[in-house]
C-alpha atoms as a PDB file:
ATOM      1  CA  MET A   1     153.566  56.226 114.709  1.00  0.00           C
ATOM      2  CA  GLU A   2     156.941  57.823 114.086  1.00  0.00           C
ATOM      3  CA  ILE A   3     156.270  58.126 110.343  1.00  0.00           C
ATOM      4  CA  LYS A   4     153.024  59.990 111.014  1.00  0.00           C
ATOM      5  CA  GLN A   5     154.886  62.486 113.203  1.00  0.00           C
ATOM      6  CA  ARG A   6     157.476  63.091 110.473  1.00  0.00           C
ATOM      7  CA  ILE A   7     154.775  63.598 107.860  1.00  0.00           C
ATOM      8  CA  LYS A   8     152.986  65.973 110.216  1.00  0.00           C
ATOM      9  CA  TRP A   9     156.237  67.938 110.649  1.00  0.00           C
ATOM     10  CA  PHE A  10     156.554  68.378 106.872  1.00  0.00           C
ATOM     11  CA  GLN A  11     152.986  69.647 106.680  1.00  0.00           C
ATOM     12  CA  ASN A  12     153.913  72.463 109.029  1.00  0.00           C
ATOM     13  CA  GLU A  13     154.143  75.807 107.244  1.00  0.00           C
ATOM     14  CA  TYR A  14     157.338  76.865 109.026  1.00  0.00           C
ATOM     15  CA  ALA A  15     159.051  73.581 108.283  1.00  0.00           C
ATOM     16  CA  MET A  16     158.358  73.954 104.588  1.00  0.00           C
ATOM     17  CA  LEU A  17     159.679  77.519 104.600  1.00  0.00           C
ATOM     18  CA  SER A  18     162.836  76.367 106.399  1.00  0.00           C
ATOM     19  CA  ILE A  19     163.386  73.621 103.862  1.00  0.00           C
ATOM     20  CA  LEU A  20     162.793  76.071 101.018  1.00  0.00           C
ATOM     21  CA  ILE A  21     165.385  78.501 102.422  1.00  0.00           C
ATOM     22  CA  VAL A  22     167.971  75.724 102.729  1.00  0.00           C
ATOM     23  CA  ILE A  23     167.276  74.591  99.157  1.00  0.00           C
ATOM     24  CA  ILE A  24     167.642  78.137  97.832  1.00  0.00           C
ATOM     25  CA  LEU A  25     170.904  78.655  99.746  1.00  0.00           C
ATOM     26  CA  LEU A  26     172.319  75.407  98.400  1.00  0.00           C
ATOM     27  CA  LEU A  27     171.189  76.227  94.873  1.00  0.00           C
ATOM     28  CA  MET A  28     172.816  79.661  94.997  1.00  0.00           C
ATOM     29  CA  GLY A  29     176.000  78.125  96.363  1.00  0.00           C
ATOM     30  CA  ILE A  30     176.074  75.564  93.562  1.00  0.00           C
ATOM     31  CA  LEU A  31     175.336  78.106  90.822  1.00  0.00           C
ATOM     32  CA  ASN A  32     177.944  80.610  92.020  1.00  0.00           C
ATOM     33  CA  PRO A  33     180.412  78.807  94.301  1.00  0.00           C
ATOM     34  CA  THR A  34     183.204  81.361  93.954  1.00  0.00           C
ATOM     35  CA  ARG A  35     181.191  84.250  95.394  1.00  0.00           C
ATOM     36  CA  PHE A  36     178.149  83.161  97.351  1.00  0.00           C
ATOM     37  CA  PHE A  37     179.688  81.512 100.413  1.00  0.00           C
ATOM     38  CA  ARG A  38     182.486  84.069 100.763  1.00  0.00           C
ATOM     39  CA  ILE A  39     182.905  85.952 104.032  1.00  0.00           C
ATOM     40  CA  ARG A  40     182.502  89.278 102.243  1.00  0.00           C
ATOM     41  CA  ASN A  41     179.103  88.290 100.846  1.00  0.00           C
ATOM     42  CA  LEU A  42     177.891  87.006 104.218  1.00  0.00           C
ATOM     43  CA  GLN A  43     179.101  90.222 105.890  1.00  0.00           C
ATOM     44  CA  SER A  44     177.231  92.260 103.292  1.00  0.00           C
ATOM     45  CA  MET A  45     174.008  90.376 103.981  1.00  0.00           C
ATOM     46  CA  ALA A  46     174.513  90.731 107.742  1.00  0.00           C
ATOM     47  CA  PHE A  47     175.098  94.468 107.273  1.00  0.00           C
ATOM     48  CA  GLN A  48     171.777  94.908 105.442  1.00  0.00           C
ATOM     49  CA  LEU A  49     169.567  92.822 107.739  1.00  0.00           C
ATOM     50  CA  PRO A  50     169.391  95.206 110.748  1.00  0.00           C
ATOM     51  CA  GLU A  51     167.914  97.940 108.559  1.00  0.00           C
ATOM     52  CA  LEU A  52     165.189  95.603 107.354  1.00  0.00           C
ATOM     53  CA  GLY A  53     164.577  94.522 110.943  1.00  0.00           C
ATOM     54  CA  LEU A  54     164.083  98.107 112.103  1.00  0.00           C
ATOM     55  CA  LEU A  55     161.731  98.817 109.214  1.00  0.00           C
ATOM     56  CA  SER A  56     159.802  95.660 110.084  1.00  0.00           C
ATOM     57  CA  LEU A  57     159.456  96.762 113.708  1.00  0.00           C
ATOM     58  CA  GLY A  58     158.128 100.130 112.574  1.00  0.00           C
ATOM     59  CA  MET A  59     155.658  98.444 110.262  1.00  0.00           C
ATOM     60  CA  MET A  60     154.600  96.096 113.056  1.00  0.00           C
ATOM     61  CA  LEU A  61     153.764  99.025 115.347  1.00  0.00           C
ATOM     62  CA  ILE A  62     151.690 100.651 112.633  1.00  0.00           C
ATOM     63  CA  MET A  63     149.722  97.476 111.963  1.00  0.00           C
ATOM     64  CA  LEU A  64     149.217  96.708 115.680  1.00  0.00           C
ATOM     65  CA  THR A  65     147.574 100.082 116.196  1.00  0.00           C
ATOM     66  CA  GLY A  66     145.109  99.327 113.419  1.00  0.00           C
ATOM     67  CA  GLY A  67     146.606 101.474 110.696  1.00  0.00           C
ATOM     68  CA  ILE A  68     147.883 100.170 107.412  1.00  0.00           C
ATOM     69  CA  ASN A  69     150.678 102.328 106.065  1.00  0.00           C
ATOM     70  CA  LEU A  70     152.646 100.671 103.316  1.00  0.00           C
ATOM     71  CA  SER A  71     154.700 103.767 102.540  1.00  0.00           C
ATOM     72  CA  ILE A  72     157.334 102.985 105.178  1.00  0.00           C
ATOM     73  CA  ILE A  73     159.837 101.829 102.544  1.00  0.00           C
ATOM     74  CA  ALA A  74     159.302 104.975 100.497  1.00  0.00           C
ATOM     75  CA  SER A  75     159.817 107.071 103.643  1.00  0.00           C
ATOM     76  CA  ALA A  76     163.018 105.203 104.469  1.00  0.00           C
ATOM     77  CA  ASN A  77     164.317 105.654 100.926  1.00  0.00           C
ATOM     78  CA  LEU A  78     163.482 109.356 100.920  1.00  0.00           C
ATOM     79  CA  SER A  79     165.129 109.952 104.302  1.00  0.00           C
ATOM     80  CA  GLY A  80     168.260 108.082 103.195  1.00  0.00           C
ATOM     81  CA  ILE A  81     168.553 110.101  99.987  1.00  0.00           C
ATOM     82  CA  LEU A  82     167.927 113.401 101.772  1.00  0.00           C
ATOM     83  CA  MET A  83     170.491 112.576 104.458  1.00  0.00           C
ATOM     84  CA  ALA A  84     173.074 111.715 101.801  1.00  0.00           C
ATOM     85  CA  LEU A  85     172.415 115.032 100.044  1.00  0.00           C
ATOM     86  CA  VAL A  86     172.637 117.014 103.281  1.00  0.00           C
ATOM     87  CA  LEU A  87     175.866 115.318 104.329  1.00  0.00           C
ATOM     88  CA  ASN A  88     177.355 115.735 100.876  1.00  0.00           C
ATOM     89  CA  ARG A  89     176.599 119.455 100.588  1.00  0.00           C
ATOM     90  CA  MET A  90     176.708 120.808 104.122  1.00  0.00           C
ATOM     91  CA  ALA A  91     179.127 118.697 106.098  1.00  0.00           C
ATOM     92  CA  PRO A  92     182.858 119.282 105.675  1.00  0.00           C
ATOM     93  CA  PRO A  93     185.037 116.160 105.434  1.00  0.00           C
ATOM     94  CA  GLU A  94     186.411 116.719 108.962  1.00  0.00           C
ATOM     95  CA  THR A  95     182.924 116.268 110.388  1.00  0.00           C
ATOM     96  CA  PHE A  96     183.201 112.522 110.056  1.00  0.00           C
ATOM     97  CA  SER A  97     185.539 112.355 113.013  1.00  0.00           C
ATOM     98  CA  GLY A  98     184.379 111.389 116.498  1.00  0.00           C
ATOM     99  CA  ALA A  99     182.150 114.427 117.061  1.00  0.00           C
ATOM    100  CA  GLY A 100     180.334 114.015 113.754  1.00  0.00           C
ATOM    101  CA  THR A 101     179.744 110.352 114.377  1.00  0.00           C
ATOM    102  CA  GLY A 102     178.395 111.100 117.850  1.00  0.00           C
ATOM    103  CA  ILE A 103     175.983 113.707 116.486  1.00  0.00           C
ATOM    104  CA  MET A 104     174.737 111.305 113.821  1.00  0.00           C
ATOM    105  CA  LEU A 105     174.218 108.547 116.383  1.00  0.00           C
ATOM    106  CA  LEU A 106     172.375 110.976 118.630  1.00  0.00           C
ATOM    107  CA  ALA A 107     170.123 111.973 115.716  1.00  0.00           C
ATOM    108  CA  ILE A 108     169.217 108.351 115.075  1.00  0.00           C
END
């Protein structure tokens, strides 16, 4: 009976995806051991994940309301590029002190 339960667990879609992720992580660690499991690399991945999470939440709301809008990534890219251009041309370097950071956080 126990063997049937284990086989049933491996037939689960989420279990297979979990195993695949672990295999890929181990493979990347073996292929590039000097860089992959470094703190700096893990921090970089952790820094990028919240942005993807917010984009996913936005996409979820669009799909729940019945619309299908796949241009959310293009909109995010365009807004990031435009914000970089605006900050580069219009904002003096002193703006990035406490007041500038507060204004940017308020805008988000």
